[in-house]
Amino acid sequence: MTEAAERTDGGTTVDLWRAGLTRVPEQVWERRESRVLILADNALTGLPPRIGRLRRLRTLDLGHNALTSLPEEIGELTGLDGCLYLHDNRLTALPRSLGRLRSLTYLNVGDNPLGALPEEIGGMAGLVELRAQRCGLRELPASLGRLTALRELWLRGNALASLPASLSRLRELREVELRENALEEVPGALRGLPRLRRLDLRGNRLRTVPRWLGRELPALEKLDLRWNGTAVDPGLVEELERRGCVVLR
């Protein structure tokens, strides 16, 4: 393995970005003190259970590989409190053990043919940002309502026709991206969220736009309704714009 480790924030970073890897060098698993491991933009198709040894990791980047599965031992990385990048792989499922990563703040699983998120994802209590764009999702697990620290939810390019009612408990949500899904109505689960600032509903199948968007989303700053083919009540637009909300339609 090329010596690529450097000291950052008092911990060790192992950076093997674009190193042309088809497998992870054995030496990586011996670096038990590693805090950051970057394996992005390689040609990895799998990881050994030995990844569970790196229990001091705080950030793990596996994005842009060819991973088809992840070992359950990834759930042993309970020290992860930064970012976990799994985007742009070939994952068809996520391990249930991810629910044990309770301190993780950022998770990106986008651009994988997942079809579903595991119910156990609700155990990731520290999540502030969740990205699951273009994952073939038709529904979301009700357990997402347990992610009460969540501020950003990115779900572009799925096949969602609704959101679970439990999302109404996500009182810290600031940004929700639902662009290019199959919504025929604005999800009632978003009703009354006190801190929601941006709501992207572009490219859905909305039949109506409810008046409660003006009354019950007091922090709304931007509402994007383009490419839905539905008329928007001018009174609602005026109400939102009067208080400074940008409405795109």
C-alpha atoms as a PDB file:
ATOM      1  CA  MET A   1       0.000   0.000   0.000  1.00  0.00           C
ATOM      2  CA  THR A   2       1.277   3.434  -0.902  1.00  0.00           C
ATOM      3  CA  GLU A   3       1.963   5.466   2.217  1.00  0.00           C
ATOM      4  CA  ALA A   4      -0.903   7.939   2.065  1.00  0.00           C
ATOM      5  CA  ALA A   5      -1.815   8.481   5.692  1.00  0.00           C
ATOM      6  CA  GLU A   6      -1.730  11.968   7.144  1.00  0.00           C
ATOM      7  CA  ARG A   7      -2.563  13.438  10.529  1.00  0.00           C
ATOM      8  CA  THR A   8      -5.844  15.325  10.742  1.00  0.00           C
ATOM      9  CA  ASP A   9      -7.641  16.478  13.855  1.00  0.00           C
ATOM     10  CA  GLY A  10      -5.369  14.375  15.984  1.00  0.00           C
ATOM     11  CA  GLY A  11      -6.269  11.165  14.123  1.00  0.00           C
ATOM     12  CA  THR A  12      -5.010   9.216  11.134  1.00  0.00           C
ATOM     13  CA  THR A  13      -6.414   9.452   7.637  1.00  0.00           C
ATOM     14  CA  VAL A  14      -5.830   6.652   5.148  1.00  0.00           C
ATOM     15  CA  ASP A  15      -6.472   8.118   1.714  1.00  0.00           C
ATOM     16  CA  LEU A  16      -6.662   5.650  -1.180  1.00  0.00           C
ATOM     17  CA  TRP A  17      -8.870   7.728  -3.452  1.00  0.00           C
ATOM     18  CA  ARG A  18      -8.565   6.713  -7.096  1.00  0.00           C
ATOM     19  CA  ALA A  19      -5.821   4.229  -6.331  1.00  0.00           C
ATOM     20  CA  GLY A  20      -6.982   1.704  -8.942  1.00  0.00           C
ATOM     21  CA  LEU A  21      -7.937  -0.839  -6.298  1.00  0.00           C
ATOM     22  CA  THR A  22      -9.937  -3.994  -6.981  1.00  0.00           C
ATOM     23  CA  ARG A  23      -9.434  -5.127  -3.385  1.00  0.00           C
ATOM     24  CA  VAL A  24      -8.446  -3.356  -0.192  1.00  0.00           C
ATOM     25  CA  PRO A  25      -4.802  -3.896   0.810  1.00  0.00           C
ATOM     26  CA  GLU A  26      -4.444  -6.031   3.925  1.00  0.00           C
ATOM     27  CA  GLN A  27      -2.444  -3.305   5.646  1.00  0.00           C
ATOM     28  CA  VAL A  28      -5.548  -1.148   5.851  1.00  0.00           C
ATOM     29  CA  TRP A  29      -7.206  -3.558   8.285  1.00  0.00           C
ATOM     30  CA  GLU A  30      -4.165  -3.407  10.570  1.00  0.00           C
ATOM     31  CA  ARG A  31      -4.457   0.340  11.030  1.00  0.00           C
ATOM     32  CA  ARG A  32      -6.651   0.115  14.094  1.00  0.00           C
ATOM     33  CA  GLU A  33      -6.030   3.789  14.950  1.00  0.00           C
ATOM     34  CA  SER A  34      -7.483   5.088  11.674  1.00  0.00           C
ATOM     35  CA  ARG A  35     -10.044   7.862  12.042  1.00  0.00           C
ATOM     36  CA  VAL A  36     -10.775   8.478   8.350  1.00  0.00           C
ATOM     37  CA  LEU A  37     -10.689   5.878   5.575  1.00  0.00           C
ATOM     38  CA  ILE A  38     -11.136   6.998   1.967  1.00  0.00           C
ATOM     39  CA  LEU A  39     -11.593   4.258  -0.629  1.00  0.00           C
ATOM     40  CA  ALA A  40     -13.676   6.235  -3.102  1.00  0.00           C
ATOM     41  CA  ASP A  41     -13.410   6.008  -6.891  1.00  0.00           C
ATOM     42  CA  ASN A  42     -11.883   2.564  -7.129  1.00  0.00           C
ATOM     43  CA  ALA A  43     -13.223  -0.725  -8.529  1.00  0.00           C
ATOM     44  CA  LEU A  44     -14.063  -2.498  -5.286  1.00  0.00           C
ATOM     45  CA  THR A  45     -16.792  -5.145  -5.547  1.00  0.00           C
ATOM     46  CA  GLY A  46     -16.818  -6.243  -1.911  1.00  0.00           C
ATOM     47  CA  LEU A  47     -15.352  -5.739   1.553  1.00  0.00           C
ATOM     48  CA  PRO A  48     -14.192  -8.394   4.023  1.00  0.00           C
ATOM     49  CA  PRO A  49     -15.663  -8.724   7.529  1.00  0.00           C
ATOM     50  CA  ARG A  50     -12.326  -7.392   8.800  1.00  0.00           C
ATOM     51  CA  ILE A  51     -13.626  -3.869   8.249  1.00  0.00           C
ATOM     52  CA  GLY A  52     -15.296  -4.273  11.633  1.00  0.00           C
ATOM     53  CA  ARG A  53     -11.858  -4.046  13.259  1.00  0.00           C
ATOM     54  CA  LEU A  54     -11.532  -0.321  12.557  1.00  0.00           C
ATOM     55  CA  ARG A  55     -13.622   0.761  15.500  1.00  0.00           C
ATOM     56  CA  ARG A  56     -11.988   4.159  15.817  1.00  0.00           C
ATOM     57  CA  LEU A  57     -13.130   5.275  12.385  1.00  0.00           C
ATOM     58  CA  ARG A  58     -15.141   8.473  12.344  1.00  0.00           C
ATOM     59  CA  THR A  59     -15.621   8.845   8.577  1.00  0.00           C
ATOM     60  CA  LEU A  60     -15.711   6.173   5.866  1.00  0.00           C
ATOM     61  CA  ASP A  61     -15.882   6.946   2.134  1.00  0.00           C
ATOM     62  CA  LEU A  62     -16.795   4.032  -0.152  1.00  0.00           C
ATOM     63  CA  GLY A  63     -18.472   6.086  -2.854  1.00  0.00           C
ATOM     64  CA  HIS A  64     -18.042   5.450  -6.587  1.00  0.00           C
ATOM     65  CA  ASN A  65     -17.063   1.797  -6.486  1.00  0.00           C
ATOM     66  CA  ALA A  66     -18.778  -1.384  -7.719  1.00  0.00           C
ATOM     67  CA  LEU A  67     -19.884  -2.771  -4.354  1.00  0.00           C
ATOM     68  CA  THR A  68     -22.779  -5.221  -4.587  1.00  0.00           C
ATOM     69  CA  SER A  69     -23.090  -5.842  -0.839  1.00  0.00           C
ATOM     70  CA  LEU A  70     -21.691  -4.781   2.511  1.00  0.00           C
ATOM     71  CA  PRO A  71     -20.742  -7.067   5.397  1.00  0.00           C
ATOM     72  CA  GLU A  72     -22.880  -6.905   8.537  1.00  0.00           C
ATOM     73  CA  GLU A  73     -19.652  -6.101  10.397  1.00  0.00           C
ATOM     74  CA  ILE A  74     -19.938  -2.521   9.188  1.00  0.00           C
ATOM     75  CA  GLY A  75     -22.338  -2.112  12.088  1.00  0.00           C
ATOM     76  CA  GLU A  76     -19.422  -2.640  14.462  1.00  0.00           C
ATOM     77  CA  LEU A  77     -17.991   0.750  13.469  1.00  0.00           C
ATOM     78  CA  THR A  78     -19.893   2.448  16.242  1.00  0.00           C
ATOM     79  CA  GLY A  79     -17.301   5.232  16.449  1.00  0.00           C
ATOM     80  CA  LEU A  80     -18.524   6.651  13.133  1.00  0.00           C
ATOM     81  CA  ASP A  81     -19.814  10.098  14.004  1.00  0.00           C
ATOM     82  CA  GLY A  82     -18.994  11.932  10.791  1.00  0.00           C
ATOM     83  CA  CYS A  83     -19.874  10.743   7.309  1.00  0.00           C
ATOM     84  CA  LEU A  84     -20.576   7.417   5.641  1.00  0.00           C
ATOM     85  CA  TYR A  85     -20.510   7.602   1.855  1.00  0.00           C
ATOM     86  CA  LEU A  86     -21.982   4.603   0.033  1.00  0.00           C
ATOM     87  CA  HIS A  87     -23.299   6.384  -3.047  1.00  0.00           C
ATOM     88  CA  ASP A  88     -22.759   5.326  -6.661  1.00  0.00           C
ATOM     89  CA  ASN A  89     -22.282   1.618  -6.108  1.00  0.00           C
ATOM     90  CA  ARG A  90     -24.347  -1.456  -7.049  1.00  0.00           C
ATOM     91  CA  LEU A  91     -25.868  -2.186  -3.671  1.00  0.00           C
ATOM     92  CA  THR A  92     -29.212  -3.971  -3.765  1.00  0.00           C
ATOM     93  CA  ALA A  93     -29.674  -3.904   0.025  1.00  0.00           C
ATOM     94  CA  LEU A  94     -28.197  -2.255   3.088  1.00  0.00           C
ATOM     95  CA  PRO A  95     -27.140  -4.324   6.098  1.00  0.00           C
ATOM     96  CA  ARG A  96     -29.512  -4.162   9.042  1.00  0.00           C
ATOM     97  CA  SER A  97     -26.519  -3.538  11.276  1.00  0.00           C
ATOM     98  CA  LEU A  98     -26.391   0.066  10.024  1.00  0.00           C
ATOM     99  CA  GLY A  99     -28.956   0.788  12.711  1.00  0.00           C
ATOM    100  CA  ARG A 100     -26.177   0.409  15.280  1.00  0.00           C
ATOM    101  CA  LEU A 101     -24.363   3.497  13.951  1.00  0.00           C
ATOM    102  CA  ARG A 102     -26.143   5.793  16.350  1.00  0.00           C
ATOM    103  CA  SER A 103     -23.608   8.625  16.293  1.00  0.00           C
ATOM    104  CA  LEU A 104     -23.334   8.987  12.504  1.00  0.00           C
ATOM    105  CA  THR A 105     -24.442  12.411  11.281  1.00  0.00           C
ATOM    106  CA  TYR A 106     -24.328  12.063   7.460  1.00  0.00           C
ATOM    107  CA  LEU A 107     -25.343   9.079   5.323  1.00  0.00           C
ATOM    108  CA  ASN A 108     -25.349   9.012   1.523  1.00  0.00           C
ATOM    109  CA  VAL A 109     -26.679   5.831  -0.125  1.00  0.00           C
ATOM    110  CA  GLY A 110     -27.758   7.503  -3.366  1.00  0.00           C
ATOM    111  CA  ASP A 111     -27.487   5.973  -6.827  1.00  0.00           C
ATOM    112  CA  ASN A 112     -27.762   2.354  -5.742  1.00  0.00           C
ATOM    113  CA  PRO A 113     -30.515  -0.061  -6.893  1.00  0.00           C
ATOM    114  CA  LEU A 114     -31.702  -0.605  -3.322  1.00  0.00           C
ATOM    115  CA  GLY A 115     -35.460  -0.730  -3.786  1.00  0.00           C
ATOM    116  CA  ALA A 116     -35.936  -0.226  -0.031  1.00  0.00           C
ATOM    117  CA  LEU A 117     -34.289   1.099   3.108  1.00  0.00           C
ATOM    118  CA  PRO A 118     -34.071  -1.236   6.120  1.00  0.00           C
ATOM    119  CA  GLU A 119     -36.409  -0.623   9.041  1.00  0.00           C
ATOM    120  CA  GLU A 120     -33.320  -0.609  11.264  1.00  0.00           C
ATOM    121  CA  ILE A 121     -32.246   2.726   9.790  1.00  0.00           C
ATOM    122  CA  GLY A 122     -34.420   4.316  12.452  1.00  0.00           C
ATOM    123  CA  GLY A 123     -31.751   3.407  14.998  1.00  0.00           C
ATOM    124  CA  MET A 124     -29.342   5.958  13.529  1.00  0.00           C
ATOM    125  CA  ALA A 125     -30.433   8.580  16.014  1.00  0.00           C
ATOM    126  CA  GLY A 126     -27.609  11.031  15.281  1.00  0.00           C
ATOM    127  CA  LEU A 127     -28.368  11.486  11.575  1.00  0.00           C
ATOM    128  CA  VAL A 128     -28.600  15.115  10.500  1.00  0.00           C
ATOM    129  CA  GLU A 129     -28.563  14.499   6.743  1.00  0.00           C
ATOM    130  CA  LEU A 130     -29.819  11.490   4.775  1.00  0.00           C
ATOM    131  CA  ARG A 131     -29.370  11.199   1.021  1.00  0.00           C
ATOM    132  CA  ALA A 132     -31.123   8.387  -0.838  1.00  0.00           C
ATOM    133  CA  GLN A 133     -31.536   9.772  -4.340  1.00  0.00           C
ATOM    134  CA  ARG A 134     -32.252   7.464  -7.275  1.00  0.00           C
ATOM    135  CA  CYS A 135     -32.498   4.271  -5.231  1.00  0.00           C
ATOM    136  CA  GLY A 136     -35.719   2.854  -6.699  1.00  0.00           C
ATOM    137  CA  LEU A 137     -37.617   3.489  -3.458  1.00  0.00           C
ATOM    138  CA  ARG A 138     -41.388   2.990  -3.559  1.00  0.00           C
ATOM    139  CA  GLU A 139     -41.911   3.609   0.131  1.00  0.00           C
ATOM    140  CA  LEU A 140     -39.982   4.619   3.220  1.00  0.00           C
ATOM    141  CA  PRO A 141     -39.805   2.732   6.509  1.00  0.00           C
ATOM    142  CA  ALA A 142     -41.932   4.160   9.312  1.00  0.00           C
ATOM    143  CA  SER A 143     -38.835   4.049  11.512  1.00  0.00           C
ATOM    144  CA  LEU A 144     -37.532   7.203   9.805  1.00  0.00           C
ATOM    145  CA  GLY A 145     -39.783   9.065  12.211  1.00  0.00           C
ATOM    146  CA  ARG A 146     -37.306   8.179  14.964  1.00  0.00           C
ATOM    147  CA  LEU A 147     -34.556  10.279  13.356  1.00  0.00           C
ATOM    148  CA  THR A 148     -35.518  13.332  15.342  1.00  0.00           C
ATOM    149  CA  ALA A 149     -32.179  15.131  14.731  1.00  0.00           C
ATOM    150  CA  LEU A 150     -32.646  14.988  10.949  1.00  0.00           C
ATOM    151  CA  ARG A 151     -32.391  18.357   9.171  1.00  0.00           C
ATOM    152  CA  GLU A 152     -32.060  17.369   5.513  1.00  0.00           C
ATOM    153  CA  LEU A 153     -33.784  14.588   3.567  1.00  0.00           C
ATOM    154  CA  TRP A 154     -32.853  14.107  -0.087  1.00  0.00           C
ATOM    155  CA  LEU A 155     -35.030  11.672  -2.059  1.00  0.00           C
ATOM    156  CA  ARG A 156     -34.897  12.791  -5.681  1.00  0.00           C
ATOM    157  CA  GLY A 157     -35.624  10.334  -8.472  1.00  0.00           C
ATOM    158  CA  ASN A 158     -37.418   7.550  -6.623  1.00  0.00           C
ATOM    159  CA  ALA A 159     -40.975   6.220  -7.044  1.00  0.00           C
ATOM    160  CA  LEU A 160     -42.527   7.491  -3.827  1.00  0.00           C
ATOM    161  CA  ALA A 161     -46.289   8.007  -3.904  1.00  0.00           C
ATOM    162  CA  SER A 162     -46.503   8.964  -0.203  1.00  0.00           C
ATOM    163  CA  LEU A 163     -44.479   9.474   2.950  1.00  0.00           C
ATOM    164  CA  PRO A 164     -45.026   7.654   6.251  1.00  0.00           C
ATOM    165  CA  ALA A 165     -47.054   9.593   8.800  1.00  0.00           C
ATOM    166  CA  SER A 166     -44.212   9.171  11.297  1.00  0.00           C
ATOM    167  CA  LEU A 167     -42.204  11.848   9.469  1.00  0.00           C
ATOM    168  CA  SER A 168     -44.396  14.430  11.179  1.00  0.00           C
ATOM    169  CA  ARG A 169     -42.182  13.869  14.230  1.00  0.00           C
ATOM    170  CA  LEU A 170     -39.106  15.241  12.440  1.00  0.00           C
ATOM    171  CA  ARG A 171     -39.406  18.703  13.917  1.00  0.00           C
ATOM    172  CA  GLU A 172     -35.828  19.664  13.007  1.00  0.00           C
ATOM    173  CA  LEU A 173     -36.277  19.188   9.248  1.00  0.00           C
ATOM    174  CA  ARG A 174     -35.059  22.193   7.259  1.00  0.00           C
ATOM    175  CA  GLU A 175     -34.860  20.834   3.716  1.00  0.00           C
ATOM    176  CA  VAL A 176     -36.832  18.103   1.945  1.00  0.00           C
ATOM    177  CA  GLU A 177     -36.164  17.155  -1.665  1.00  0.00           C
ATOM    178  CA  LEU A 178     -38.884  15.045  -3.271  1.00  0.00           C
ATOM    179  CA  ARG A 179     -38.175  15.939  -6.873  1.00  0.00           C
ATOM    180  CA  GLU A 180     -39.068  13.393  -9.569  1.00  0.00           C
ATOM    181  CA  ASN A 181     -41.188  10.979  -7.574  1.00  0.00           C
ATOM    182  CA  ALA A 182     -44.804   9.793  -8.026  1.00  0.00           C
ATOM    183  CA  LEU A 183     -46.612  12.052  -5.564  1.00  0.00           C
ATOM    184  CA  GLU A 184     -50.198  12.975  -6.450  1.00  0.00           C
ATOM    185  CA  GLU A 185     -50.597  15.154  -3.370  1.00  0.00           C
ATOM    186  CA  VAL A 186     -48.333  17.035  -1.012  1.00  0.00           C
ATOM    187  CA  PRO A 187     -47.558  14.566   1.815  1.00  0.00           C
ATOM    188  CA  GLY A 188     -49.551  15.358   4.927  1.00  0.00           C
ATOM    189  CA  ALA A 189     -46.610  14.158   7.014  1.00  0.00           C
ATOM    190  CA  LEU A 190     -44.929  17.498   6.283  1.00  0.00           C
ATOM    191  CA  ARG A 191     -47.847  19.463   7.674  1.00  0.00           C
ATOM    192  CA  GLY A 192     -46.923  21.695  10.592  1.00  0.00           C
ATOM    193  CA  LEU A 193     -43.149  21.133  10.533  1.00  0.00           C
ATOM    194  CA  PRO A 194     -41.953  24.287  12.290  1.00  0.00           C
ATOM    195  CA  ARG A 195     -38.467  24.638  10.772  1.00  0.00           C
ATOM    196  CA  LEU A 196     -38.978  23.438   7.207  1.00  0.00           C
ATOM    197  CA  ARG A 197     -37.399  26.084   4.955  1.00  0.00           C
ATOM    198  CA  ARG A 198     -37.121  24.438   1.534  1.00  0.00           C
ATOM    199  CA  LEU A 199     -39.500  21.984  -0.100  1.00  0.00           C
ATOM    200  CA  ASP A 200     -38.751  20.665  -3.589  1.00  0.00           C
ATOM    201  CA  LEU A 201     -41.704  18.940  -5.271  1.00  0.00           C
ATOM    202  CA  ARG A 202     -40.649  19.317  -8.903  1.00  0.00           C
ATOM    203  CA  GLY A 203     -41.597  16.720 -11.451  1.00  0.00           C
ATOM    204  CA  ASN A 204     -44.280  14.834  -9.525  1.00  0.00           C
ATOM    205  CA  ARG A 205     -47.974  14.267 -10.356  1.00  0.00           C
ATOM    206  CA  LEU A 206     -49.574  16.753  -7.998  1.00  0.00           C
ATOM    207  CA  ARG A 207     -53.269  17.262  -8.625  1.00  0.00           C
ATOM    208  CA  THR A 208     -53.751  20.038  -6.080  1.00  0.00           C
ATOM    209  CA  VAL A 209     -51.637  22.236  -3.841  1.00  0.00           C
ATOM    210  CA  PRO A 210     -53.164  22.528  -0.350  1.00  0.00           C
ATOM    211  CA  ARG A 211     -53.703  25.851   1.412  1.00  0.00           C
ATOM    212  CA  TRP A 212     -52.067  24.517   4.558  1.00  0.00           C
ATOM    213  CA  LEU A 213     -48.680  25.080   2.897  1.00  0.00           C
ATOM    214  CA  GLY A 214     -49.193  28.741   3.659  1.00  0.00           C
ATOM    215  CA  ARG A 215     -50.606  28.373   7.134  1.00  0.00           C
ATOM    216  CA  GLU A 216     -48.704  25.465   8.661  1.00  0.00           C
ATOM    217  CA  LEU A 217     -45.139  25.778   7.382  1.00  0.00           C
ATOM    218  CA  PRO A 218     -44.179  29.044   9.081  1.00  0.00           C
ATOM    219  CA  ALA A 219     -40.459  28.896   8.201  1.00  0.00           C
ATOM    220  CA  LEU A 220     -40.889  28.079   4.495  1.00  0.00           C
ATOM    221  CA  GLU A 221     -38.501  30.137   2.325  1.00  0.00           C
ATOM    222  CA  LYS A 222     -38.637  28.257  -0.993  1.00  0.00           C
ATOM    223  CA  LEU A 223     -41.353  26.082  -2.505  1.00  0.00           C
ATOM    224  CA  ASP A 224     -40.654  24.493  -5.900  1.00  0.00           C
ATOM    225  CA  LEU A 225     -43.749  23.180  -7.687  1.00  0.00           C
ATOM    226  CA  ARG A 226     -42.518  23.171 -11.280  1.00  0.00           C
ATOM    227  CA  TRP A 227     -43.316  20.440 -13.788  1.00  0.00           C
ATOM    228  CA  ASN A 228     -46.402  19.093 -12.068  1.00  0.00           C
ATOM    229  CA  GLY A 229     -49.025  20.326 -14.511  1.00  0.00           C
ATOM    230  CA  THR A 230     -51.356  21.545 -11.797  1.00  0.00           C
ATOM    231  CA  ALA A 231     -52.804  24.970 -11.153  1.00  0.00           C
ATOM    232  CA  VAL A 232     -51.748  26.744  -7.993  1.00  0.00           C
ATOM    233  CA  ASP A 233     -54.174  28.930  -6.077  1.00  0.00           C
ATOM    234  CA  PRO A 234     -53.030  32.543  -6.638  1.00  0.00           C
ATOM    235  CA  GLY A 235     -54.136  33.335  -3.100  1.00  0.00           C
ATOM    236  CA  LEU A 236     -51.720  30.749  -1.718  1.00  0.00           C
ATOM    237  CA  VAL A 237     -48.866  32.113  -3.814  1.00  0.00           C
ATOM    238  CA  GLU A 238     -49.631  35.647  -2.672  1.00  0.00           C
ATOM    239  CA  GLU A 239     -49.768  34.546   0.965  1.00  0.00           C
ATOM    240  CA  LEU A 240     -46.388  32.818   0.738  1.00  0.00           C
ATOM    241  CA  GLU A 241     -44.684  35.558  -1.231  1.00  0.00           C
ATOM    242  CA  ARG A 242     -45.975  38.229   1.124  1.00  0.00           C
ATOM    243  CA  ARG A 243     -43.969  36.709   3.926  1.00  0.00           C
ATOM    244  CA  GLY A 244     -40.835  36.274   1.771  1.00  0.00           C
ATOM    245  CA  CYS A 245     -41.194  32.704   0.467  1.00  0.00           C
ATOM    246  CA  VAL A 246     -40.074  32.133  -3.119  1.00  0.00           C
ATOM    247  CA  VAL A 247     -42.632  30.056  -5.051  1.00  0.00           C
ATOM    248  CA  LEU A 248     -41.554  28.430  -8.316  1.00  0.00           C
ATOM    249  CA  ARG A 249     -44.371  27.012 -10.479  1.00  0.00           C
END
